[in-house]
Amino acid sequence: MQVFRVVSAALLAAVMSGFPAGAQPLSQVSGPKELPPPAYGGNQYVDSAGCVFIRAGVGGQTTWVPRVSRDRKLVCGYEPTFPPGLLEGVAALKVPSTEAAPAAPETTTEAPAAEVAAAPAPAPVPAPAPAKAATKQPARVKAVPAPQRASSSSVRLVDAGTVSKGATYCLARIDKAQRYLLSDGRRVTQCGEAGEAAPVAYLNSLGVPGLTVDEGAATAAETQRARRVAQGEYHVVWSNGPIAATVAKPAPAASGQVPAGAGRYVQVGVFADPANADRAIARLKALGLPVASAMSKKGGKPIKAVLAGPFANADDLQAALVAARQSGYRDAFARS
């Protein structure tokens, strides 16, 4: 006890140092605007006004001493230790436990009755278990609303029409395809004739992440913006049939045209790890492409070349090359 009093007195002296003899050492400040809960074990506390106080112990009780700057002003402007409303919630949670408080005097019969009555406000720090229960509950309540406010944006259908297969990357044996232009500039191509479902219902049934189409008609501004984007950079979403992967920019695809007689296969890579080769094969199959592979050795170790094909004509070979490159295999090339 004697050591505790010496340390507390030293702490109090350090906080209040720097005051001249005739100055008013913050006499108007009697303590924090709100006392922290008894379970709070920190040595520094910031009240709801943003002012800082230091814990000091005198006579077995906790006293909160104002922290001052060199010019003898109360240090404020900090973020409160407890969010607004948290202390009221902690006080409400402490109500059941106060009924069990009379059991405490049985362990220390010499404690005066007056000290026991004053214990709820400046009581010493209790056992760690109640402290964890008091601090965690309000923290979870504060964090819950944030995710609930998140909302995803939606788009509207600007235009729908029939296009020839040559204007798409559809690999299926079809003559025509359906193309839908969305208000954000994305284009959705349906390989084949339009189904029984309405265009908006069909688009929402694709399950494309981030794609939600509203029933309402697009505004004039949305229509103008979508058509302007579609003429330059755009995103394409494909469905209903073997098709090429999502196209971000049409210009680079033109630079990778397959010359006549270039071959019947598209090689996407050579893999020493069988698992990597299997993943490449699965990705090509997911694009609706025929898949082939060839085993060889390099440095005495087996390697597997993964290819898409064979393709009967240059158009299908070109579409497969674009699909492979846009799905991540940027070094894919045509070969025999």
C-alpha atoms as a PDB file:
ATOM      1  CA  MET A   1       0.000   0.000   0.000  1.00  0.00           C
ATOM      2  CA  GLN A   2       2.831   2.376   0.843  1.00  0.00           C
ATOM      3  CA  VAL A   3       4.477   1.779  -2.567  1.00  0.00           C
ATOM      4  CA  PHE A   4       1.140   2.381  -4.346  1.00  0.00           C
ATOM      5  CA  ARG A   5       0.656   5.703  -2.590  1.00  0.00           C
ATOM      6  CA  VAL A   6       4.190   6.831  -3.491  1.00  0.00           C
ATOM      7  CA  VAL A   7       3.682   5.950  -7.178  1.00  0.00           C
ATOM      8  CA  SER A   8       0.274   7.657  -7.259  1.00  0.00           C
ATOM      9  CA  ALA A   9       1.659  10.800  -5.658  1.00  0.00           C
ATOM     10  CA  ALA A  10       4.518  10.863  -8.171  1.00  0.00           C
ATOM     11  CA  LEU A  11       2.103  10.497 -11.066  1.00  0.00           C
ATOM     12  CA  LEU A  12      -0.078  13.315  -9.750  1.00  0.00           C
ATOM     13  CA  ALA A  13       2.949  15.549  -9.327  1.00  0.00           C
ATOM     14  CA  ALA A  14       4.106  14.818 -12.892  1.00  0.00           C
ATOM     15  CA  VAL A  15       0.713  15.717 -14.347  1.00  0.00           C
ATOM     16  CA  MET A  16       0.367  18.981 -12.418  1.00  0.00           C
ATOM     17  CA  SER A  17       3.977  20.119 -12.883  1.00  0.00           C
ATOM     18  CA  GLY A  18       4.550  23.368 -14.732  1.00  0.00           C
ATOM     19  CA  PHE A  19       2.022  25.508 -12.818  1.00  0.00           C
ATOM     20  CA  PRO A  20       3.404  28.744 -11.319  1.00  0.00           C
ATOM     21  CA  ALA A  21       2.597  29.487  -7.696  1.00  0.00           C
ATOM     22  CA  GLY A  22      -0.054  32.124  -8.413  1.00  0.00           C
ATOM     23  CA  ALA A  23      -1.758  30.435 -11.407  1.00  0.00           C
ATOM     24  CA  GLN A  24      -5.138  28.732 -11.345  1.00  0.00           C
ATOM     25  CA  PRO A  25      -4.401  25.039 -12.049  1.00  0.00           C
ATOM     26  CA  LEU A  26      -7.674  24.342 -13.907  1.00  0.00           C
ATOM     27  CA  SER A  27      -9.759  24.902 -10.790  1.00  0.00           C
ATOM     28  CA  GLN A  28     -12.907  24.937 -12.886  1.00  0.00           C
ATOM     29  CA  VAL A  29     -12.305  21.297 -13.962  1.00  0.00           C
ATOM     30  CA  SER A  30     -13.551  18.883 -11.297  1.00  0.00           C
ATOM     31  CA  GLY A  31     -12.950  15.771 -13.392  1.00  0.00           C
ATOM     32  CA  PRO A  32     -14.104  14.036 -16.595  1.00  0.00           C
ATOM     33  CA  LYS A  33     -17.473  14.958 -18.036  1.00  0.00           C
ATOM     34  CA  GLU A  34     -18.429  11.310 -17.513  1.00  0.00           C
ATOM     35  CA  LEU A  35     -16.555   8.817 -15.352  1.00  0.00           C
ATOM     36  CA  PRO A  36     -15.435   5.641 -17.124  1.00  0.00           C
ATOM     37  CA  PRO A  37     -17.060   2.379 -16.010  1.00  0.00           C
ATOM     38  CA  PRO A  38     -15.463   0.629 -13.006  1.00  0.00           C
ATOM     39  CA  ALA A  39     -14.310  -2.130 -15.361  1.00  0.00           C
ATOM     40  CA  TYR A  40     -12.107   0.289 -17.337  1.00  0.00           C
ATOM     41  CA  GLY A  41      -8.442  -0.520 -16.631  1.00  0.00           C
ATOM     42  CA  GLY A  42      -6.594   2.017 -18.769  1.00  0.00           C
ATOM     43  CA  ASN A  43      -4.220   4.590 -17.274  1.00  0.00           C
ATOM     44  CA  GLN A  44      -5.492   7.348 -19.605  1.00  0.00           C
ATOM     45  CA  TYR A  45      -9.125   8.248 -20.333  1.00  0.00           C
ATOM     46  CA  VAL A  46     -10.705  10.690 -22.813  1.00  0.00           C
ATOM     47  CA  ASP A  47     -14.222  11.888 -21.920  1.00  0.00           C
ATOM     48  CA  SER A  48     -16.994  12.711 -24.404  1.00  0.00           C
ATOM     49  CA  ALA A  49     -15.693  16.302 -24.667  1.00  0.00           C
ATOM     50  CA  GLY A  50     -12.356  14.976 -25.980  1.00  0.00           C
ATOM     51  CA  CYS A  51     -10.369  16.025 -22.860  1.00  0.00           C
ATOM     52  CA  VAL A  52      -7.616  13.767 -21.498  1.00  0.00           C
ATOM     53  CA  PHE A  53      -7.368  12.574 -17.889  1.00  0.00           C
ATOM     54  CA  ILE A  54      -4.718  10.444 -16.150  1.00  0.00           C
ATOM     55  CA  ARG A  55      -5.518   7.746 -13.582  1.00  0.00           C
ATOM     56  CA  ALA A  56      -4.162   8.360 -10.067  1.00  0.00           C
ATOM     57  CA  GLY A  57      -4.727   6.254  -6.962  1.00  0.00           C
ATOM     58  CA  VAL A  58      -5.106   7.901  -3.564  1.00  0.00           C
ATOM     59  CA  GLY A  59      -6.173   6.011  -0.435  1.00  0.00           C
ATOM     60  CA  GLY A  60      -7.250   2.940  -2.381  1.00  0.00           C
ATOM     61  CA  GLN A  61      -9.581   4.948  -4.652  1.00  0.00           C
ATOM     62  CA  THR A  62      -9.226   5.987  -8.295  1.00  0.00           C
ATOM     63  CA  THR A  63      -8.922   9.690  -9.114  1.00  0.00           C
ATOM     64  CA  TRP A  64      -8.856  11.108 -12.661  1.00  0.00           C
ATOM     65  CA  VAL A  65      -6.406  14.022 -12.929  1.00  0.00           C
ATOM     66  CA  PRO A  66      -6.594  16.430 -15.924  1.00  0.00           C
ATOM     67  CA  ARG A  67      -3.730  16.264 -18.374  1.00  0.00           C
ATOM     68  CA  VAL A  68      -2.370  19.743 -19.133  1.00  0.00           C
ATOM     69  CA  SER A  69      -0.045  21.222 -21.735  1.00  0.00           C
ATOM     70  CA  ARG A  70       3.085  23.291 -21.082  1.00  0.00           C
ATOM     71  CA  ASP A  71       1.018  26.479 -21.099  1.00  0.00           C
ATOM     72  CA  ARG A  72      -1.216  25.053 -18.331  1.00  0.00           C
ATOM     73  CA  LYS A  73      -4.231  24.390 -20.547  1.00  0.00           C
ATOM     74  CA  LEU A  74      -6.368  21.296 -20.420  1.00  0.00           C
ATOM     75  CA  VAL A  75      -5.418  18.907 -23.249  1.00  0.00           C
ATOM     76  CA  CYS A  76      -8.539  18.313 -25.378  1.00  0.00           C
ATOM     77  CA  GLY A  77      -9.453  17.505 -28.967  1.00  0.00           C
ATOM     78  CA  TYR A  78      -8.856  13.751 -28.771  1.00  0.00           C
ATOM     79  CA  GLU A  79     -11.232  10.979 -29.815  1.00  0.00           C
ATOM     80  CA  PRO A  80     -13.305   9.820 -26.780  1.00  0.00           C
ATOM     81  CA  THR A  81     -12.305   6.495 -25.240  1.00  0.00           C
ATOM     82  CA  PHE A  82     -15.920   5.318 -25.433  1.00  0.00           C
ATOM     83  CA  PRO A  83     -18.323   6.138 -28.322  1.00  0.00           C
ATOM     84  CA  PRO A  84     -21.419   8.240 -27.508  1.00  0.00           C
ATOM     85  CA  GLY A  85     -24.057   6.190 -25.692  1.00  0.00           C
ATOM     86  CA  LEU A  86     -21.654   3.416 -24.716  1.00  0.00           C
ATOM     87  CA  LEU A  87     -21.329   4.461 -21.071  1.00  0.00           C
ATOM     88  CA  GLU A  88     -25.114   4.456 -20.686  1.00  0.00           C
ATOM     89  CA  GLY A  89     -25.204   0.929 -22.093  1.00  0.00           C
ATOM     90  CA  VAL A  90     -22.493  -0.218 -19.694  1.00  0.00           C
ATOM     91  CA  ALA A  91     -24.351   1.313 -16.752  1.00  0.00           C
ATOM     92  CA  ALA A  92     -27.470  -0.611 -17.743  1.00  0.00           C
ATOM     93  CA  LEU A  93     -25.506  -3.852 -17.949  1.00  0.00           C
ATOM     94  CA  LYS A  94     -24.041  -3.305 -14.490  1.00  0.00           C
ATOM     95  CA  VAL A  95     -27.465  -3.129 -12.756  1.00  0.00           C
ATOM     96  CA  PRO A  96     -27.784  -6.907 -12.091  1.00  0.00           C
ATOM     97  CA  SER A  97     -24.244  -7.124 -10.735  1.00  0.00           C
ATOM     98  CA  THR A  98     -24.774  -4.404  -8.100  1.00  0.00           C
ATOM     99  CA  GLU A  99     -27.115  -6.705  -6.181  1.00  0.00           C
ATOM    100  CA  ALA A 100     -24.254  -9.125  -5.643  1.00  0.00           C
ATOM    101  CA  ALA A 101     -21.958  -6.361  -4.368  1.00  0.00           C
ATOM    102  CA  PRO A 102     -22.797  -6.901  -0.630  1.00  0.00           C
ATOM    103  CA  ALA A 103     -20.851 -10.170  -0.793  1.00  0.00           C
ATOM    104  CA  ALA A 104     -17.623  -8.194  -1.220  1.00  0.00           C
ATOM    105  CA  PRO A 105     -17.529  -6.742   2.354  1.00  0.00           C
ATOM    106  CA  GLU A 106     -17.441 -10.298   3.748  1.00  0.00           C
ATOM    107  CA  THR A 107     -13.870 -10.688   2.466  1.00  0.00           C
ATOM    108  CA  THR A 108     -12.732  -7.397   4.055  1.00  0.00           C
ATOM    109  CA  THR A 109     -14.563  -6.805   7.301  1.00  0.00           C
ATOM    110  CA  GLU A 110     -12.353  -3.842   8.253  1.00  0.00           C
ATOM    111  CA  ALA A 111     -13.613  -1.676   5.345  1.00  0.00           C
ATOM    112  CA  PRO A 112     -15.824   1.202   6.606  1.00  0.00           C
ATOM    113  CA  ALA A 113     -19.454   1.244   5.545  1.00  0.00           C
ATOM    114  CA  ALA A 114     -19.015   4.664   3.912  1.00  0.00           C
ATOM    115  CA  GLU A 115     -16.385   3.304   1.495  1.00  0.00           C
ATOM    116  CA  VAL A 116     -18.645   0.419   0.476  1.00  0.00           C
ATOM    117  CA  ALA A 117     -21.505   2.814  -0.349  1.00  0.00           C
ATOM    118  CA  ALA A 118     -19.256   5.008  -2.512  1.00  0.00           C
ATOM    119  CA  ALA A 119     -17.753   2.066  -4.379  1.00  0.00           C
ATOM    120  CA  PRO A 120     -20.045   2.024  -7.487  1.00  0.00           C
ATOM    121  CA  ALA A 121     -18.719   5.357  -8.854  1.00  0.00           C
ATOM    122  CA  PRO A 122     -14.934   5.335  -8.159  1.00  0.00           C
ATOM    123  CA  ALA A 123     -14.598   1.604  -7.423  1.00  0.00           C
ATOM    124  CA  PRO A 124     -11.247  -0.140  -8.003  1.00  0.00           C
ATOM    125  CA  VAL A 125     -10.851  -2.203 -11.170  1.00  0.00           C
ATOM    126  CA  PRO A 126     -12.765  -5.512 -10.763  1.00  0.00           C
ATOM    127  CA  ALA A 127     -11.899  -8.944 -12.130  1.00  0.00           C
ATOM    128  CA  PRO A 128     -11.071  -9.175 -15.881  1.00  0.00           C
ATOM    129  CA  ALA A 129     -14.135 -11.293 -16.788  1.00  0.00           C
ATOM    130  CA  PRO A 130     -16.763  -8.557 -16.292  1.00  0.00           C
ATOM    131  CA  ALA A 131     -14.515  -6.077 -18.109  1.00  0.00           C
ATOM    132  CA  LYS A 132     -14.501  -8.188 -21.278  1.00  0.00           C
ATOM    133  CA  ALA A 133     -18.269  -8.651 -21.212  1.00  0.00           C
ATOM    134  CA  ALA A 134     -18.853  -4.912 -20.762  1.00  0.00           C
ATOM    135  CA  THR A 135     -16.550  -3.752 -23.570  1.00  0.00           C
ATOM    136  CA  LYS A 136     -17.284  -6.356 -26.241  1.00  0.00           C
ATOM    137  CA  GLN A 137     -21.073  -6.121 -26.294  1.00  0.00           C
ATOM    138  CA  PRO A 138     -21.315  -2.421 -27.259  1.00  0.00           C
ATOM    139  CA  ALA A 139     -18.477  -2.805 -29.786  1.00  0.00           C
ATOM    140  CA  ARG A 140     -20.412  -5.431 -31.723  1.00  0.00           C
ATOM    141  CA  VAL A 141     -23.538  -3.271 -31.778  1.00  0.00           C
ATOM    142  CA  LYS A 142     -21.545  -0.388 -33.256  1.00  0.00           C
ATOM    143  CA  ALA A 143     -20.030  -2.512 -36.050  1.00  0.00           C
ATOM    144  CA  VAL A 144     -23.238  -4.165 -37.277  1.00  0.00           C
ATOM    145  CA  PRO A 145     -24.910  -1.278 -39.198  1.00  0.00           C
ATOM    146  CA  ALA A 146     -21.981  -0.606 -41.563  1.00  0.00           C
ATOM    147  CA  PRO A 147     -22.328  -3.713 -43.794  1.00  0.00           C
ATOM    148  CA  GLN A 148     -26.110  -3.309 -43.923  1.00  0.00           C
ATOM    149  CA  ARG A 149     -25.798   0.046 -45.648  1.00  0.00           C
ATOM    150  CA  ALA A 150     -23.872  -1.377 -48.590  1.00  0.00           C
ATOM    151  CA  SER A 151     -25.907  -1.430 -51.791  1.00  0.00           C
ATOM    152  CA  SER A 152     -25.135  -2.485 -55.319  1.00  0.00           C
ATOM    153  CA  SER A 153     -25.893  -0.231 -58.284  1.00  0.00           C
ATOM    154  CA  SER A 154     -28.180  -1.435 -61.045  1.00  0.00           C
ATOM    155  CA  VAL A 155     -28.415  -0.709 -64.764  1.00  0.00           C
ATOM    156  CA  ARG A 156     -31.194  -0.410 -67.355  1.00  0.00           C
ATOM    157  CA  LEU A 157     -31.651  -1.930 -70.769  1.00  0.00           C
ATOM    158  CA  VAL A 158     -30.907   0.649 -73.483  1.00  0.00           C
ATOM    159  CA  ASP A 159     -31.244  -1.375 -76.673  1.00  0.00           C
ATOM    160  CA  ALA A 160     -31.850  -4.950 -77.878  1.00  0.00           C
ATOM    161  CA  GLY A 161     -31.463  -6.336 -81.365  1.00  0.00           C
ATOM    162  CA  THR A 162     -30.441  -9.229 -83.589  1.00  0.00           C
ATOM    163  CA  VAL A 163     -26.918  -9.383 -85.035  1.00  0.00           C
ATOM    164  CA  SER A 164     -25.174 -11.838 -87.326  1.00  0.00           C
ATOM    165  CA  LYS A 165     -22.767 -14.379 -85.909  1.00  0.00           C
ATOM    166  CA  GLY A 166     -19.896 -12.657 -87.693  1.00  0.00           C
ATOM    167  CA  ALA A 167     -20.323  -9.637 -85.416  1.00  0.00           C
ATOM    168  CA  THR A 168     -19.842 -11.791 -82.300  1.00  0.00           C
ATOM    169  CA  TYR A 169     -17.377 -14.286 -80.864  1.00  0.00           C
ATOM    170  CA  CYS A 170     -19.980 -17.033 -80.556  1.00  0.00           C
ATOM    171  CA  LEU A 171     -18.471 -20.429 -81.393  1.00  0.00           C
ATOM    172  CA  ALA A 172     -21.794 -22.271 -81.659  1.00  0.00           C
ATOM    173  CA  ARG A 173     -23.082 -23.190 -85.121  1.00  0.00           C
ATOM    174  CA  ILE A 174     -25.661 -20.412 -85.354  1.00  0.00           C
ATOM    175  CA  ASP A 175     -26.675 -17.813 -87.920  1.00  0.00           C
ATOM    176  CA  LYS A 176     -27.800 -14.992 -85.619  1.00  0.00           C
ATOM    177  CA  ALA A 177     -27.378 -13.820 -82.034  1.00  0.00           C
ATOM    178  CA  GLN A 178     -29.142 -11.388 -79.709  1.00  0.00           C
ATOM    179  CA  ARG A 179     -27.246  -8.356 -78.430  1.00  0.00           C
ATOM    180  CA  TYR A 180     -28.323  -6.169 -75.489  1.00  0.00           C
ATOM    181  CA  LEU A 181     -26.817  -2.762 -74.660  1.00  0.00           C
ATOM    182  CA  LEU A 182     -26.929  -1.707 -70.985  1.00  0.00           C
ATOM    183  CA  SER A 183     -26.932   1.816 -69.564  1.00  0.00           C
ATOM    184  CA  ASP A 184     -23.348   1.482 -68.258  1.00  0.00           C
ATOM    185  CA  GLY A 185     -22.028   0.593 -71.723  1.00  0.00           C
ATOM    186  CA  ARG A 186     -21.797  -3.156 -71.210  1.00  0.00           C
ATOM    187  CA  ARG A 187     -23.053  -5.379 -74.012  1.00  0.00           C
ATOM    188  CA  VAL A 188     -24.557  -8.820 -73.432  1.00  0.00           C
ATOM    189  CA  THR A 189     -24.575 -11.275 -76.321  1.00  0.00           C
ATOM    190  CA  GLN A 190     -26.952 -14.237 -76.351  1.00  0.00           C
ATOM    191  CA  CYS A 191     -25.658 -16.851 -78.769  1.00  0.00           C
ATOM    192  CA  GLY A 192     -28.786 -17.971 -80.600  1.00  0.00           C
ATOM    193  CA  GLU A 193     -32.341 -16.826 -81.077  1.00  0.00           C
ATOM    194  CA  ALA A 194     -34.125 -14.933 -78.286  1.00  0.00           C
ATOM    195  CA  GLY A 195     -35.843 -17.216 -75.791  1.00  0.00           C
ATOM    196  CA  GLU A 196     -39.296 -16.989 -74.310  1.00  0.00           C
ATOM    197  CA  ALA A 197     -38.118 -14.877 -71.363  1.00  0.00           C
ATOM    198  CA  ALA A 198     -38.295 -11.093 -71.637  1.00  0.00           C
ATOM    199  CA  PRO A 199     -34.891  -9.404 -72.120  1.00  0.00           C
ATOM    200  CA  VAL A 200     -34.700  -8.002 -68.559  1.00  0.00           C
ATOM    201  CA  ALA A 201     -35.699 -11.340 -67.024  1.00  0.00           C
ATOM    202  CA  TYR A 202     -33.149 -13.127 -69.208  1.00  0.00           C
ATOM    203  CA  LEU A 203     -30.339 -10.743 -68.254  1.00  0.00           C
ATOM    204  CA  ASN A 204     -31.037 -11.094 -64.529  1.00  0.00           C
ATOM    205  CA  SER A 205     -31.144 -14.894 -64.870  1.00  0.00           C
ATOM    206  CA  LEU A 206     -27.520 -15.011 -66.051  1.00  0.00           C
ATOM    207  CA  GLY A 207     -26.214 -14.630 -62.505  1.00  0.00           C
ATOM    208  CA  VAL A 208     -23.313 -12.423 -63.613  1.00  0.00           C
ATOM    209  CA  PRO A 209     -21.664 -10.827 -60.518  1.00  0.00           C
ATOM    210  CA  GLY A 210     -22.494  -7.117 -60.334  1.00  0.00           C
ATOM    211  CA  LEU A 211     -25.141  -7.293 -63.092  1.00  0.00           C
ATOM    212  CA  THR A 212     -28.658  -6.277 -62.004  1.00  0.00           C
ATOM    213  CA  VAL A 213     -31.024  -4.881 -64.650  1.00  0.00           C
ATOM    214  CA  ASP A 214     -34.007  -2.737 -63.637  1.00  0.00           C
ATOM    215  CA  GLU A 215     -37.381  -2.957 -65.374  1.00  0.00           C
ATOM    216  CA  GLY A 216     -37.582   0.797 -65.966  1.00  0.00           C
ATOM    217  CA  ALA A 217     -36.651   2.443 -69.246  1.00  0.00           C
ATOM    218  CA  ALA A 218     -33.250   4.110 -69.568  1.00  0.00           C
ATOM    219  CA  THR A 219     -33.138   7.898 -69.511  1.00  0.00           C
ATOM    220  CA  ALA A 220     -31.949   9.944 -72.470  1.00  0.00           C
ATOM    221  CA  ALA A 221     -28.679  10.713 -70.681  1.00  0.00           C
ATOM    222  CA  GLU A 222     -28.091   7.029 -69.893  1.00  0.00           C
ATOM    223  CA  THR A 223     -28.827   6.048 -73.482  1.00  0.00           C
ATOM    224  CA  GLN A 224     -26.424   8.641 -74.895  1.00  0.00           C
ATOM    225  CA  ARG A 225     -23.669   7.668 -72.462  1.00  0.00           C
ATOM    226  CA  ALA A 226     -24.101   3.935 -73.104  1.00  0.00           C
ATOM    227  CA  ARG A 227     -23.888   4.330 -76.873  1.00  0.00           C
ATOM    228  CA  ARG A 228     -20.834   6.554 -76.551  1.00  0.00           C
ATOM    229  CA  VAL A 229     -19.090   3.967 -74.363  1.00  0.00           C
ATOM    230  CA  ALA A 230     -20.097   1.146 -76.693  1.00  0.00           C
ATOM    231  CA  GLN A 231     -18.368   2.916 -79.585  1.00  0.00           C
ATOM    232  CA  GLY A 232     -15.076   3.014 -77.680  1.00  0.00           C
ATOM    233  CA  GLU A 233     -14.091   0.932 -74.688  1.00  0.00           C
ATOM    234  CA  TYR A 234     -16.732  -1.474 -73.423  1.00  0.00           C
ATOM    235  CA  HIS A 235     -17.318  -4.684 -71.483  1.00  0.00           C
ATOM    236  CA  VAL A 236     -19.093  -7.670 -73.015  1.00  0.00           C
ATOM    237  CA  VAL A 237     -20.908 -10.389 -71.025  1.00  0.00           C
ATOM    238  CA  TRP A 238     -21.612 -13.667 -72.848  1.00  0.00           C
ATOM    239  CA  SER A 239     -24.091 -16.487 -72.227  1.00  0.00           C
ATOM    240  CA  ASN A 240     -26.082 -19.348 -73.759  1.00  0.00           C
ATOM    241  CA  GLY A 241     -23.572 -21.300 -75.787  1.00  0.00           C
ATOM    242  CA  PRO A 242     -19.833 -21.805 -76.271  1.00  0.00           C
ATOM    243  CA  ILE A 243     -18.441 -18.302 -76.606  1.00  0.00           C
ATOM    244  CA  ALA A 244     -15.275 -16.279 -76.295  1.00  0.00           C
ATOM    245  CA  ALA A 245     -14.345 -14.671 -72.979  1.00  0.00           C
ATOM    246  CA  THR A 246     -15.251 -11.140 -71.872  1.00  0.00           C
ATOM    247  CA  VAL A 247     -13.761  -8.522 -74.209  1.00  0.00           C
ATOM    248  CA  ALA A 248     -12.488  -5.295 -72.620  1.00  0.00           C
ATOM    249  CA  LYS A 249     -11.121  -3.536 -75.713  1.00  0.00           C
ATOM    250  CA  PRO A 250     -11.794  -4.596 -79.299  1.00  0.00           C
ATOM    251  CA  ALA A 251      -8.680  -2.938 -80.732  1.00  0.00           C
ATOM    252  CA  PRO A 252      -6.016  -5.328 -79.311  1.00  0.00           C
ATOM    253  CA  ALA A 253      -7.974  -8.334 -80.567  1.00  0.00           C
ATOM    254  CA  ALA A 254      -7.628  -7.072 -84.128  1.00  0.00           C
ATOM    255  CA  SER A 255      -3.837  -7.065 -83.809  1.00  0.00           C
ATOM    256  CA  GLY A 256      -3.879 -10.801 -83.041  1.00  0.00           C
ATOM    257  CA  GLN A 257      -5.613 -11.939 -86.252  1.00  0.00           C
ATOM    258  CA  VAL A 258      -4.722 -15.476 -87.251  1.00  0.00           C
ATOM    259  CA  PRO A 259      -3.066 -15.554 -90.686  1.00  0.00           C
ATOM    260  CA  ALA A 260      -4.349 -18.037 -93.217  1.00  0.00           C
ATOM    261  CA  GLY A 261      -2.812 -21.490 -92.791  1.00  0.00           C
ATOM    262  CA  ALA A 262      -1.526 -20.690 -89.275  1.00  0.00           C
ATOM    263  CA  GLY A 263      -2.728 -24.016 -87.854  1.00  0.00           C
ATOM    264  CA  ARG A 264      -5.618 -25.870 -86.272  1.00  0.00           C
ATOM    265  CA  TYR A 265      -4.842 -25.445 -82.532  1.00  0.00           C
ATOM    266  CA  VAL A 266      -4.394 -22.659 -79.989  1.00  0.00           C
ATOM    267  CA  GLN A 267      -1.658 -23.427 -77.444  1.00  0.00           C
ATOM    268  CA  VAL A 268      -2.219 -21.716 -74.084  1.00  0.00           C
ATOM    269  CA  GLY A 269       0.819 -22.997 -72.216  1.00  0.00           C
ATOM    270  CA  VAL A 270       3.261 -25.757 -71.280  1.00  0.00           C
ATOM    271  CA  PHE A 271       3.101 -26.986 -67.675  1.00  0.00           C
ATOM    272  CA  ALA A 272       5.478 -29.033 -65.531  1.00  0.00           C
ATOM    273  CA  ASP A 273       2.950 -29.229 -62.694  1.00  0.00           C
ATOM    274  CA  PRO A 274       0.053 -31.571 -63.585  1.00  0.00           C
ATOM    275  CA  ALA A 275      -2.310 -29.579 -61.355  1.00  0.00           C
ATOM    276  CA  ASN A 276      -1.655 -26.396 -63.350  1.00  0.00           C
ATOM    277  CA  ALA A 277      -2.256 -28.271 -66.588  1.00  0.00           C
ATOM    278  CA  ASP A 278      -5.561 -29.626 -65.255  1.00  0.00           C
ATOM    279  CA  ARG A 279      -6.677 -26.120 -64.294  1.00  0.00           C
ATOM    280  CA  ALA A 280      -5.887 -24.836 -67.786  1.00  0.00           C
ATOM    281  CA  ILE A 281      -7.858 -27.689 -69.350  1.00  0.00           C
ATOM    282  CA  ALA A 282     -10.825 -26.983 -67.077  1.00  0.00           C
ATOM    283  CA  ARG A 283     -10.751 -23.273 -67.967  1.00  0.00           C
ATOM    284  CA  LEU A 284     -10.782 -24.008 -71.702  1.00  0.00           C
ATOM    285  CA  LYS A 285     -13.657 -26.451 -71.282  1.00  0.00           C
ATOM    286  CA  ALA A 286     -15.586 -23.815 -69.331  1.00  0.00           C
ATOM    287  CA  LEU A 287     -15.276 -21.561 -72.395  1.00  0.00           C
ATOM    288  CA  GLY A 288     -16.881 -24.287 -74.504  1.00  0.00           C
ATOM    289  CA  LEU A 289     -13.679 -25.011 -76.430  1.00  0.00           C
ATOM    290  CA  PRO A 290     -12.465 -28.454 -77.491  1.00  0.00           C
ATOM    291  CA  VAL A 291      -9.286 -29.366 -75.598  1.00  0.00           C
ATOM    292  CA  ALA A 292      -6.203 -31.369 -76.517  1.00  0.00           C
ATOM    293  CA  SER A 293      -2.855 -31.985 -74.820  1.00  0.00           C
ATOM    294  CA  ALA A 294       0.585 -33.277 -75.723  1.00  0.00           C
ATOM    295  CA  MET A 295       3.248 -34.774 -73.439  1.00  0.00           C
ATOM    296  CA  SER A 296       6.982 -34.214 -73.881  1.00  0.00           C
ATOM    297  CA  LYS A 297      10.118 -33.843 -71.772  1.00  0.00           C
ATOM    298  CA  LYS A 298      12.345 -30.917 -70.893  1.00  0.00           C
ATOM    299  CA  GLY A 299      15.564 -31.484 -69.000  1.00  0.00           C
ATOM    300  CA  GLY A 300      14.511 -35.068 -68.394  1.00  0.00           C
ATOM    301  CA  LYS A 301      11.261 -33.998 -66.705  1.00  0.00           C
ATOM    302  CA  PRO A 302       7.793 -34.542 -68.214  1.00  0.00           C
ATOM    303  CA  ILE A 303       5.831 -31.474 -69.340  1.00  0.00           C
ATOM    304  CA  LYS A 304       2.335 -31.134 -70.802  1.00  0.00           C
ATOM    305  CA  ALA A 305       1.263 -28.711 -73.523  1.00  0.00           C
ATOM    306  CA  VAL A 306      -2.399 -27.693 -73.276  1.00  0.00           C
ATOM    307  CA  LEU A 307      -4.172 -26.702 -76.483  1.00  0.00           C
ATOM    308  CA  ALA A 308      -7.640 -25.734 -77.650  1.00  0.00           C
ATOM    309  CA  GLY A 309      -8.744 -27.443 -80.846  1.00  0.00           C
ATOM    310  CA  PRO A 310      -8.680 -28.771 -83.425  1.00  0.00           C
ATOM    311  CA  PHE A 311     -10.639 -26.179 -85.430  1.00  0.00           C
ATOM    312  CA  ALA A 312     -11.878 -26.693 -88.958  1.00  0.00           C
ATOM    313  CA  ASN A 313     -11.589 -23.104 -90.193  1.00  0.00           C
ATOM    314  CA  ALA A 314      -9.759 -19.840 -89.552  1.00  0.00           C
ATOM    315  CA  ASP A 315     -12.820 -18.100 -88.076  1.00  0.00           C
ATOM    316  CA  ASP A 316     -13.196 -20.636 -85.277  1.00  0.00           C
ATOM    317  CA  LEU A 317      -9.437 -20.638 -84.705  1.00  0.00           C
ATOM    318  CA  GLN A 318      -9.419 -16.828 -84.405  1.00  0.00           C
ATOM    319  CA  ALA A 319     -12.361 -16.863 -81.976  1.00  0.00           C
ATOM    320  CA  ALA A 320     -10.629 -19.479 -79.821  1.00  0.00           C
ATOM    321  CA  LEU A 321      -7.398 -17.469 -79.788  1.00  0.00           C
ATOM    322  CA  VAL A 322      -9.255 -14.363 -78.590  1.00  0.00           C
ATOM    323  CA  ALA A 323     -11.102 -16.402 -75.969  1.00  0.00           C
ATOM    324  CA  ALA A 324      -7.880 -17.888 -74.600  1.00  0.00           C
ATOM    325  CA  ARG A 325      -6.075 -14.552 -74.416  1.00  0.00           C
ATOM    326  CA  GLN A 326      -8.963 -12.738 -72.785  1.00  0.00           C
ATOM    327  CA  SER A 327      -9.350 -15.509 -70.184  1.00  0.00           C
ATOM    328  CA  GLY A 328      -5.810 -14.918 -68.922  1.00  0.00           C
ATOM    329  CA  TYR A 329      -3.526 -16.741 -71.357  1.00  0.00           C
ATOM    330  CA  ARG A 330      -2.112 -13.630 -73.021  1.00  0.00           C
ATOM    331  CA  ASP A 331       0.752 -15.579 -74.665  1.00  0.00           C
ATOM    332  CA  ALA A 332      -1.575 -18.055 -76.400  1.00  0.00           C
ATOM    333  CA  PHE A 333      -0.780 -18.625 -80.082  1.00  0.00           C
ATOM    334  CA  ALA A 334      -2.041 -20.607 -83.068  1.00  0.00           C
ATOM    335  CA  ARG A 335      -0.119 -23.710 -84.072  1.00  0.00           C
ATOM    336  CA  SER A 336      -0.513 -26.812 -86.170  1.00  0.00           C
END
